[in-house]
Amino acid sequence: MNRIICLPVLLCCVGILAFGQPVPAQKLEASDIEAFLENYDAIESSMATLDYDLGNVLAGVEGPQEMLDHFRNNETPKEIQDIMSANGLGSDGLEKMTIIIISAYGFHIEDMFLSKGIDLDDISGHEYNSELKEFRDEIAAVRGLVHPEDLELIRGRAAEIMQVVEG
């Protein structure tokens, strides 16, 4: 099954990211993570029936900051709000899904490096120092876009989230 929701989100994770943002508002509750995990496939299937191409909607959007700004500043079509609400994420579910996916992806990348014995917080002297620094900085920037309590909710379920998203 095509992953129409996560592909644009994951691709935007490698975009240019802004620093120095104020602490973002908390958006998630544990029930949102649960609804995401339980209903991701249903949401994806329902979205596929609509004449709504998230890739086209986000064309020209660079990075998670612009993506989240887009969802916060533009009204999501009612059909999508209805899908999100019916699946337990509320009318702002597209924004919540973006927060969940980009955050889980950051934890996934970090865990992948840790499993290889690479701590992104201590990369001095590593032969791939500049590449690792880039990953570290991108992950930090994404985390700066998400409320710390939202990150903690996601951190505990990041592996499950990535398993659902990657199918």
N, C-alpha and C. Protein backbone atom coordinates (compact mmCIF):
# COMPACT_ATOMS: atom_id res chain seq x y z
N MET A 1 0.85 -1.18 0.00
CA MET A 1 0.00 0.00 0.00
C MET A 1 0.90 1.24 0.00
N ASN A 2 0.57 2.19 -0.83
CA ASN A 2 1.36 3.42 -0.86
C ASN A 2 1.20 4.17 0.44
N ARG A 3 2.26 4.76 0.86
CA ARG A 3 2.23 5.53 2.10
C ARG A 3 2.10 7.00 1.73
N ILE A 4 0.87 7.39 1.31
CA ILE A 4 0.64 8.73 0.77
C ILE A 4 0.78 9.82 1.81
N ILE A 5 0.59 9.49 3.05
CA ILE A 5 0.67 10.52 4.08
C ILE A 5 2.11 10.72 4.54
N CYS A 6 2.83 9.63 4.77
CA CYS A 6 4.14 9.77 5.39
C CYS A 6 5.23 10.18 4.42
N LEU A 7 5.14 9.84 3.14
CA LEU A 7 6.23 10.14 2.23
C LEU A 7 6.55 11.63 2.17
N PRO A 8 5.57 12.52 1.94
CA PRO A 8 5.93 13.94 1.92
C PRO A 8 6.47 14.43 3.26
N VAL A 9 5.93 13.88 4.34
CA VAL A 9 6.40 14.28 5.67
C VAL A 9 7.85 13.88 5.85
N LEU A 10 8.17 12.65 5.53
CA LEU A 10 9.54 12.18 5.72
C LEU A 10 10.51 12.90 4.79
N LEU A 11 10.08 13.19 3.57
CA LEU A 11 10.95 13.92 2.65
C LEU A 11 11.23 15.33 3.15
N CYS A 12 10.24 15.94 3.76
CA CYS A 12 10.44 17.29 4.27
C CYS A 12 11.35 17.33 5.49
N CYS A 13 11.54 16.18 6.13
CA CYS A 13 12.41 16.14 7.31
C CYS A 13 13.84 16.49 6.98
N VAL A 14 14.24 16.36 5.74
CA VAL A 14 15.62 16.64 5.38
C VAL A 14 15.78 18.06 4.85
N GLY A 15 14.72 18.86 4.92
CA GLY A 15 14.77 20.23 4.42
C GLY A 15 15.55 21.15 5.34
N ILE A 16 15.62 22.40 4.95
CA ILE A 16 16.30 23.42 5.75
C ILE A 16 15.42 23.75 6.94
N LEU A 17 16.03 23.79 8.14
CA LEU A 17 15.26 23.97 9.36
C LEU A 17 15.65 25.27 10.06
N ALA A 18 14.68 25.87 10.72
CA ALA A 18 14.92 27.13 11.42
C ALA A 18 15.20 26.87 12.90
N PHE A 19 16.07 27.70 13.47
CA PHE A 19 16.39 27.60 14.89
C PHE A 19 15.83 28.81 15.62
N GLY A 20 15.88 28.77 16.94
CA GLY A 20 15.49 29.92 17.74
C GLY A 20 13.99 30.13 17.84
N GLN A 21 13.21 29.09 17.71
CA GLN A 21 11.76 29.21 17.77
C GLN A 21 11.30 29.22 19.23
N PRO A 22 10.20 29.92 19.51
CA PRO A 22 9.64 29.85 20.86
C PRO A 22 9.10 28.44 21.11
N VAL A 23 8.89 28.10 22.39
CA VAL A 23 8.36 26.78 22.72
C VAL A 23 6.98 26.64 22.08
N PRO A 24 6.80 25.64 21.26
CA PRO A 24 5.51 25.46 20.59
C PRO A 24 4.43 25.00 21.57
N ALA A 25 3.20 25.21 21.18
CA ALA A 25 2.07 24.77 22.01
C ALA A 25 2.01 23.25 22.05
N GLN A 26 1.56 22.74 23.17
CA GLN A 26 1.35 21.30 23.27
C GLN A 26 0.13 20.93 22.43
N LYS A 27 0.26 19.92 21.60
CA LYS A 27 -0.81 19.51 20.70
C LYS A 27 -1.34 18.11 20.97
N LEU A 28 -0.54 17.28 21.63
CA LEU A 28 -0.88 15.86 21.72
C LEU A 28 -1.25 15.42 23.13
N GLU A 29 -2.06 14.39 23.15
CA GLU A 29 -2.36 13.65 24.37
C GLU A 29 -2.05 12.19 24.06
N ALA A 30 -1.95 11.39 25.08
CA ALA A 30 -1.67 9.96 24.88
C ALA A 30 -2.72 9.34 23.96
N SER A 31 -3.96 9.80 24.06
CA SER A 31 -5.02 9.25 23.21
C SER A 31 -4.79 9.53 21.73
N ASP A 32 -4.10 10.63 21.41
CA ASP A 32 -3.77 10.92 20.01
C ASP A 32 -2.77 9.91 19.46
N ILE A 33 -1.78 9.57 20.27
CA ILE A 33 -0.79 8.58 19.83
C ILE A 33 -1.49 7.23 19.63
N GLU A 34 -2.35 6.89 20.56
CA GLU A 34 -3.09 5.63 20.46
C GLU A 34 -3.97 5.61 19.21
N ALA A 35 -4.69 6.71 18.96
CA ALA A 35 -5.55 6.80 17.78
C ALA A 35 -4.72 6.70 16.50
N PHE A 36 -3.57 7.35 16.49
CA PHE A 36 -2.68 7.29 15.33
C PHE A 36 -2.28 5.84 15.06
N LEU A 37 -1.83 5.15 16.09
CA LEU A 37 -1.36 3.77 15.93
C LEU A 37 -2.50 2.84 15.49
N GLU A 38 -3.65 3.02 16.08
CA GLU A 38 -4.78 2.14 15.77
C GLU A 38 -5.40 2.42 14.41
N ASN A 39 -5.34 3.67 13.96
CA ASN A 39 -6.12 4.07 12.79
C ASN A 39 -5.31 4.55 11.59
N TYR A 40 -4.01 4.44 11.64
CA TYR A 40 -3.18 4.97 10.55
C TYR A 40 -3.60 4.39 9.20
N ASP A 41 -3.75 3.08 9.12
CA ASP A 41 -4.11 2.47 7.84
C ASP A 41 -5.50 2.92 7.38
N ALA A 42 -6.43 3.05 8.31
CA ALA A 42 -7.78 3.51 7.95
C ALA A 42 -7.74 4.95 7.46
N ILE A 43 -6.95 5.78 8.11
CA ILE A 43 -6.81 7.18 7.68
C ILE A 43 -6.21 7.22 6.28
N GLU A 44 -5.16 6.46 6.09
CA GLU A 44 -4.51 6.42 4.79
C GLU A 44 -5.46 5.95 3.69
N SER A 45 -6.23 4.91 3.98
CA SER A 45 -7.20 4.40 3.00
C SER A 45 -8.27 5.43 2.69
N SER A 46 -8.77 6.09 3.71
CA SER A 46 -9.79 7.12 3.51
C SER A 46 -9.24 8.30 2.73
N MET A 47 -8.02 8.70 3.04
CA MET A 47 -7.40 9.82 2.32
C MET A 47 -7.21 9.47 0.84
N ALA A 48 -6.92 8.21 0.56
CA ALA A 48 -6.68 7.78 -0.82
C ALA A 48 -7.94 7.89 -1.67
N THR A 49 -9.11 7.89 -1.04
CA THR A 49 -10.36 7.99 -1.79
C THR A 49 -10.71 9.43 -2.15
N LEU A 50 -10.02 10.38 -1.55
CA LEU A 50 -10.31 11.80 -1.79
C LEU A 50 -9.51 12.33 -2.97
N ASP A 51 -10.00 13.39 -3.53
CA ASP A 51 -9.26 14.09 -4.58
C ASP A 51 -8.38 15.14 -3.89
N TYR A 52 -7.42 14.64 -3.12
CA TYR A 52 -6.55 15.51 -2.33
C TYR A 52 -5.16 14.91 -2.37
N ASP A 53 -4.25 15.58 -3.01
CA ASP A 53 -2.88 15.10 -3.13
C ASP A 53 -2.00 15.91 -2.19
N LEU A 54 -1.65 15.31 -1.07
CA LEU A 54 -0.86 16.00 -0.06
C LEU A 54 0.47 16.48 -0.64
N GLY A 55 1.03 15.69 -1.54
CA GLY A 55 2.28 16.10 -2.19
C GLY A 55 2.13 17.41 -2.95
N ASN A 56 1.00 17.55 -3.67
CA ASN A 56 0.76 18.80 -4.39
C ASN A 56 0.46 19.95 -3.44
N VAL A 57 -0.28 19.67 -2.39
CA VAL A 57 -0.61 20.70 -1.41
C VAL A 57 0.67 21.25 -0.77
N LEU A 58 1.64 20.37 -0.55
CA LEU A 58 2.87 20.78 0.12
C LEU A 58 4.00 21.11 -0.86
N ALA A 59 3.69 21.17 -2.15
CA ALA A 59 4.72 21.53 -3.13
C ALA A 59 5.30 22.89 -2.77
N GLY A 60 6.59 22.98 -2.75
CA GLY A 60 7.25 24.23 -2.42
C GLY A 60 7.49 24.42 -0.93
N VAL A 61 6.90 23.55 -0.11
CA VAL A 61 7.12 23.62 1.33
C VAL A 61 8.45 22.96 1.63
N GLU A 62 9.31 23.69 2.32
CA GLU A 62 10.64 23.16 2.63
C GLU A 62 10.80 22.97 4.13
N GLY A 63 10.87 21.74 4.53
CA GLY A 63 11.17 21.41 5.91
C GLY A 63 9.96 21.38 6.81
N PRO A 64 10.15 20.78 7.96
CA PRO A 64 9.07 20.62 8.93
C PRO A 64 8.47 21.94 9.42
N GLN A 65 9.28 22.98 9.59
CA GLN A 65 8.75 24.26 10.06
C GLN A 65 7.70 24.79 9.10
N GLU A 66 8.03 24.82 7.82
CA GLU A 66 7.07 25.32 6.83
C GLU A 66 5.84 24.42 6.74
N MET A 67 6.05 23.11 6.89
CA MET A 67 4.93 22.18 6.82
C MET A 67 3.97 22.43 7.98
N LEU A 68 4.51 22.53 9.19
CA LEU A 68 3.64 22.78 10.34
C LEU A 68 2.98 24.14 10.23
N ASP A 69 3.71 25.15 9.76
CA ASP A 69 3.12 26.47 9.54
C ASP A 69 1.96 26.38 8.55
N HIS A 70 2.14 25.58 7.51
CA HIS A 70 1.08 25.42 6.51
C HIS A 70 -0.19 24.86 7.16
N PHE A 71 -0.03 23.81 7.96
CA PHE A 71 -1.20 23.20 8.60
C PHE A 71 -1.83 24.13 9.64
N ARG A 72 -1.01 24.94 10.28
CA ARG A 72 -1.53 25.85 11.31
C ARG A 72 -2.20 27.08 10.70
N ASN A 73 -1.75 27.49 9.52
CA ASN A 73 -2.23 28.74 8.93
C ASN A 73 -3.22 28.57 7.79
N ASN A 74 -3.45 27.34 7.36
CA ASN A 74 -4.39 27.08 6.27
C ASN A 74 -5.43 26.08 6.75
N GLU A 75 -6.64 26.34 6.37
CA GLU A 75 -7.71 25.43 6.80
C GLU A 75 -7.61 24.11 6.04
N THR A 76 -7.64 23.05 6.79
CA THR A 76 -7.65 21.71 6.21
C THR A 76 -9.04 21.48 5.63
N PRO A 77 -9.12 20.91 4.43
CA PRO A 77 -10.45 20.64 3.85
C PRO A 77 -11.33 19.84 4.81
N LYS A 78 -12.61 20.15 4.80
CA LYS A 78 -13.56 19.52 5.71
C LYS A 78 -13.55 18.00 5.62
N GLU A 79 -13.41 17.48 4.41
CA GLU A 79 -13.39 16.02 4.24
C GLU A 79 -12.25 15.39 5.04
N ILE A 80 -11.12 16.07 5.06
CA ILE A 80 -9.96 15.54 5.79
C ILE A 80 -10.16 15.73 7.29
N GLN A 81 -10.71 16.87 7.68
CA GLN A 81 -11.03 17.07 9.09
C GLN A 81 -11.97 15.97 9.58
N ASP A 82 -12.95 15.62 8.75
CA ASP A 82 -13.91 14.57 9.12
C ASP A 82 -13.22 13.22 9.27
N ILE A 83 -12.30 12.91 8.36
CA ILE A 83 -11.56 11.64 8.44
C ILE A 83 -10.74 11.61 9.72
N MET A 84 -10.04 12.69 9.99
CA MET A 84 -9.20 12.74 11.19
C MET A 84 -10.05 12.63 12.45
N SER A 85 -11.16 13.35 12.49
CA SER A 85 -12.05 13.30 13.66
C SER A 85 -12.63 11.91 13.85
N ALA A 86 -13.06 11.30 12.76
CA ALA A 86 -13.66 9.96 12.84
C ALA A 86 -12.65 8.92 13.33
N ASN A 87 -11.37 9.23 13.17
CA ASN A 87 -10.32 8.30 13.58
C ASN A 87 -9.60 8.75 14.84
N GLY A 88 -10.24 9.63 15.60
CA GLY A 88 -9.76 9.97 16.93
C GLY A 88 -8.69 11.03 17.04
N LEU A 89 -8.38 11.73 15.94
CA LEU A 89 -7.33 12.74 15.99
C LEU A 89 -7.85 14.18 15.99
N GLY A 90 -9.13 14.36 15.87
CA GLY A 90 -9.70 15.71 15.87
C GLY A 90 -9.52 16.40 14.53
N SER A 91 -10.11 17.57 14.41
CA SER A 91 -10.08 18.28 13.13
C SER A 91 -8.68 18.76 12.75
N ASP A 92 -7.78 18.87 13.73
CA ASP A 92 -6.39 19.26 13.44
C ASP A 92 -5.48 18.03 13.36
N GLY A 93 -6.07 16.91 12.98
CA GLY A 93 -5.35 15.64 12.94
C GLY A 93 -4.19 15.60 11.97
N LEU A 94 -4.28 16.34 10.87
CA LEU A 94 -3.17 16.34 9.91
C LEU A 94 -1.92 16.97 10.55
N GLU A 95 -2.11 18.03 11.30
CA GLU A 95 -1.00 18.64 12.03
C GLU A 95 -0.46 17.67 13.08
N LYS A 96 -1.36 17.02 13.80
CA LYS A 96 -0.93 16.05 14.82
C LYS A 96 -0.16 14.91 14.19
N MET A 97 -0.64 14.41 13.06
CA MET A 97 0.06 13.31 12.38
C MET A 97 1.46 13.75 11.95
N THR A 98 1.57 14.97 11.48
CA THR A 98 2.88 15.49 11.06
C THR A 98 3.82 15.54 12.25
N ILE A 99 3.34 16.06 13.37
CA ILE A 99 4.16 16.13 14.58
C ILE A 99 4.60 14.73 15.01
N ILE A 100 3.67 13.80 15.00
CA ILE A 100 3.98 12.42 15.42
C ILE A 100 5.02 11.80 14.49
N ILE A 101 4.83 11.93 13.19
CA ILE A 101 5.72 11.26 12.24
C ILE A 101 7.11 11.89 12.23
N ILE A 102 7.20 13.22 12.17
CA ILE A 102 8.54 13.82 12.10
C ILE A 102 9.32 13.59 13.39
N SER A 103 8.62 13.59 14.51
CA SER A 103 9.30 13.36 15.78
C SER A 103 9.75 11.91 15.91
N ALA A 104 8.87 10.99 15.57
CA ALA A 104 9.23 9.56 15.64
C ALA A 104 10.38 9.26 14.69
N TYR A 105 10.37 9.90 13.53
CA TYR A 105 11.45 9.69 12.57
C TYR A 105 12.79 10.14 13.16
N GLY A 106 12.79 11.27 13.84
CA GLY A 106 14.02 11.75 14.49
C GLY A 106 14.52 10.77 15.54
N PHE A 107 13.61 10.26 16.37
CA PHE A 107 14.00 9.26 17.37
C PHE A 107 14.51 7.99 16.70
N HIS A 108 13.88 7.61 15.60
CA HIS A 108 14.28 6.42 14.86
C HIS A 108 15.72 6.56 14.34
N ILE A 109 16.02 7.70 13.74
CA ILE A 109 17.37 7.95 13.23
C ILE A 109 18.38 7.93 14.37
N GLU A 110 18.04 8.60 15.45
CA GLU A 110 18.93 8.64 16.61
C GLU A 110 19.18 7.23 17.16
N ASP A 111 18.13 6.44 17.28
CA ASP A 111 18.27 5.06 17.78
C ASP A 111 19.09 4.20 16.82
N MET A 112 18.92 4.45 15.53
CA MET A 112 19.69 3.71 14.54
C MET A 112 21.19 3.96 14.73
N PHE A 113 21.55 5.22 14.94
CA PHE A 113 22.96 5.53 15.18
C PHE A 113 23.44 4.94 16.51
N LEU A 114 22.61 5.06 17.55
CA LEU A 114 23.00 4.50 18.85
C LEU A 114 23.23 3.00 18.77
N SER A 115 22.42 2.31 17.97
CA SER A 115 22.59 0.86 17.83
C SER A 115 23.91 0.50 17.16
N LYS A 116 24.49 1.47 16.46
CA LYS A 116 25.80 1.27 15.83
C LYS A 116 26.92 1.86 16.68
N GLY A 117 26.56 2.25 17.91
CA GLY A 117 27.56 2.78 18.83
C GLY A 117 27.91 4.24 18.59
N ILE A 118 27.05 4.96 17.89
CA ILE A 118 27.32 6.37 17.59
C ILE A 118 26.33 7.24 18.36
N ASP A 119 26.86 8.03 19.28
CA ASP A 119 26.05 8.97 20.04
C ASP A 119 26.14 10.32 19.32
N LEU A 120 25.03 10.79 18.79
CA LEU A 120 25.05 12.04 18.03
C LEU A 120 25.42 13.25 18.87
N ASP A 121 25.35 13.11 20.19
CA ASP A 121 25.76 14.21 21.06
C ASP A 121 27.27 14.22 21.31
N ASP A 122 27.96 13.19 20.85
CA ASP A 122 29.40 13.09 21.05
C ASP A 122 30.05 12.53 19.78
N ILE A 123 30.19 13.39 18.77
CA ILE A 123 30.71 12.93 17.48
C ILE A 123 32.10 13.46 17.17
N SER A 124 32.69 14.19 18.10
CA SER A 124 34.02 14.74 17.83
C SER A 124 34.99 13.61 17.54
N GLY A 125 35.78 13.80 16.51
CA GLY A 125 36.78 12.82 16.14
C GLY A 125 36.24 11.67 15.29
N HIS A 126 34.95 11.61 15.08
CA HIS A 126 34.38 10.53 14.26
C HIS A 126 34.69 10.82 12.80
N GLU A 127 34.98 9.76 12.03
CA GLU A 127 35.37 9.96 10.64
C GLU A 127 34.27 10.60 9.79
N TYR A 128 33.01 10.45 10.18
CA TYR A 128 31.90 11.05 9.45
C TYR A 128 31.32 12.23 10.23
N ASN A 129 32.18 12.96 10.89
CA ASN A 129 31.78 14.05 11.77
C ASN A 129 30.79 15.02 11.11
N SER A 130 31.08 15.51 9.91
CA SER A 130 30.22 16.52 9.30
C SER A 130 28.85 15.96 8.95
N GLU A 131 28.79 14.73 8.46
CA GLU A 131 27.50 14.12 8.14
C GLU A 131 26.68 13.87 9.40
N LEU A 132 27.35 13.40 10.44
CA LEU A 132 26.66 13.14 11.70
C LEU A 132 26.17 14.44 12.33
N LYS A 133 26.97 15.49 12.22
CA LYS A 133 26.56 16.79 12.74
C LYS A 133 25.30 17.27 12.04
N GLU A 134 25.23 17.04 10.74
CA GLU A 134 24.05 17.44 9.98
C GLU A 134 22.80 16.70 10.48
N PHE A 135 22.91 15.39 10.68
CA PHE A 135 21.79 14.63 11.24
C PHE A 135 21.40 15.16 12.62
N ARG A 136 22.41 15.35 13.46
CA ARG A 136 22.16 15.83 14.82
C ARG A 136 21.43 17.18 14.80
N ASP A 137 21.90 18.09 13.95
CA ASP A 137 21.30 19.42 13.88
C ASP A 137 19.87 19.37 13.34
N GLU A 138 19.62 18.51 12.36
CA GLU A 138 18.27 18.39 11.82
C GLU A 138 17.31 17.81 12.86
N ILE A 139 17.77 16.81 13.59
CA ILE A 139 16.93 16.21 14.63
C ILE A 139 16.64 17.25 15.72
N ALA A 140 17.65 18.00 16.11
CA ALA A 140 17.46 19.04 17.14
C ALA A 140 16.48 20.11 16.66
N ALA A 141 16.59 20.48 15.40
CA ALA A 141 15.69 21.51 14.86
C ALA A 141 14.24 21.02 14.85
N VAL A 142 14.04 19.77 14.44
CA VAL A 142 12.68 19.21 14.45
C VAL A 142 12.14 19.19 15.87
N ARG A 143 12.96 18.78 16.80
CA ARG A 143 12.51 18.74 18.20
C ARG A 143 12.17 20.13 18.72
N GLY A 144 12.82 21.14 18.18
CA GLY A 144 12.51 22.51 18.58
C GLY A 144 11.14 22.97 18.11
N LEU A 145 10.54 22.24 17.19
CA LEU A 145 9.22 22.58 16.66
C LEU A 145 8.09 21.93 17.43
N VAL A 146 8.45 21.03 18.35
CA VAL A 146 7.45 20.22 19.04
C VAL A 146 7.57 20.45 20.55
N HIS A 147 6.44 20.57 21.19
CA HIS A 147 6.42 20.78 22.64
C HIS A 147 7.12 19.61 23.34
N PRO A 148 7.92 19.89 24.38
CA PRO A 148 8.65 18.82 25.07
C PRO A 148 7.75 17.68 25.59
N GLU A 149 6.56 18.00 26.06
CA GLU A 149 5.68 16.93 26.55
C GLU A 149 5.16 16.08 25.39
N ASP A 150 4.95 16.70 24.23
CA ASP A 150 4.57 15.92 23.04
C ASP A 150 5.70 14.98 22.66
N LEU A 151 6.94 15.49 22.73
CA LEU A 151 8.09 14.64 22.41
C LEU A 151 8.18 13.44 23.34
N GLU A 152 7.90 13.65 24.61
CA GLU A 152 7.96 12.53 25.56
C GLU A 152 6.90 11.48 25.25
N LEU A 153 5.71 11.94 24.86
CA LEU A 153 4.67 10.98 24.47
C LEU A 153 5.11 10.16 23.26
N ILE A 154 5.74 10.82 22.32
CA ILE A 154 6.17 10.15 21.09
C ILE A 154 7.38 9.26 21.34
N ARG A 155 8.32 9.74 22.14
CA ARG A 155 9.55 8.98 22.40
C ARG A 155 9.24 7.55 22.87
N GLY A 156 8.32 7.42 23.77
CA GLY A 156 7.99 6.10 24.31
C GLY A 156 7.36 5.15 23.31
N ARG A 157 6.85 5.69 22.21
CA ARG A 157 6.16 4.86 21.22
C ARG A 157 6.77 4.99 19.82
N ALA A 158 7.94 5.61 19.73
CA ALA A 158 8.54 5.90 18.43
C ALA A 158 8.73 4.66 17.57
N ALA A 159 9.19 3.57 18.16
CA ALA A 159 9.40 2.35 17.37
C ALA A 159 8.08 1.84 16.81
N GLU A 160 7.03 1.86 17.62
CA GLU A 160 5.71 1.43 17.14
C GLU A 160 5.22 2.35 16.02
N ILE A 161 5.41 3.64 16.21
CA ILE A 161 4.97 4.61 15.21
C ILE A 161 5.67 4.35 13.88
N MET A 162 6.98 4.18 13.92
CA MET A 162 7.72 3.95 12.68
C MET A 162 7.32 2.63 12.04
N GLN A 163 7.03 1.63 12.84
CA GLN A 163 6.59 0.35 12.28
C GLN A 163 5.27 0.51 11.54
N VAL A 164 4.35 1.29 12.10
CA VAL A 164 3.06 1.52 11.46
C VAL A 164 3.25 2.34 10.18
N VAL A 165 4.05 3.38 10.25
CA VAL A 165 4.25 4.27 9.10
C VAL A 165 4.97 3.54 7.95
N GLU A 166 5.97 2.76 8.30
CA GLU A 166 6.73 2.07 7.27
C GLU A 166 6.01 0.82 6.77
N GLY A 167 4.98 0.41 7.50
CA GLY A 167 4.14 -0.71 7.09
C GLY A 167 4.87 -1.97 6.94
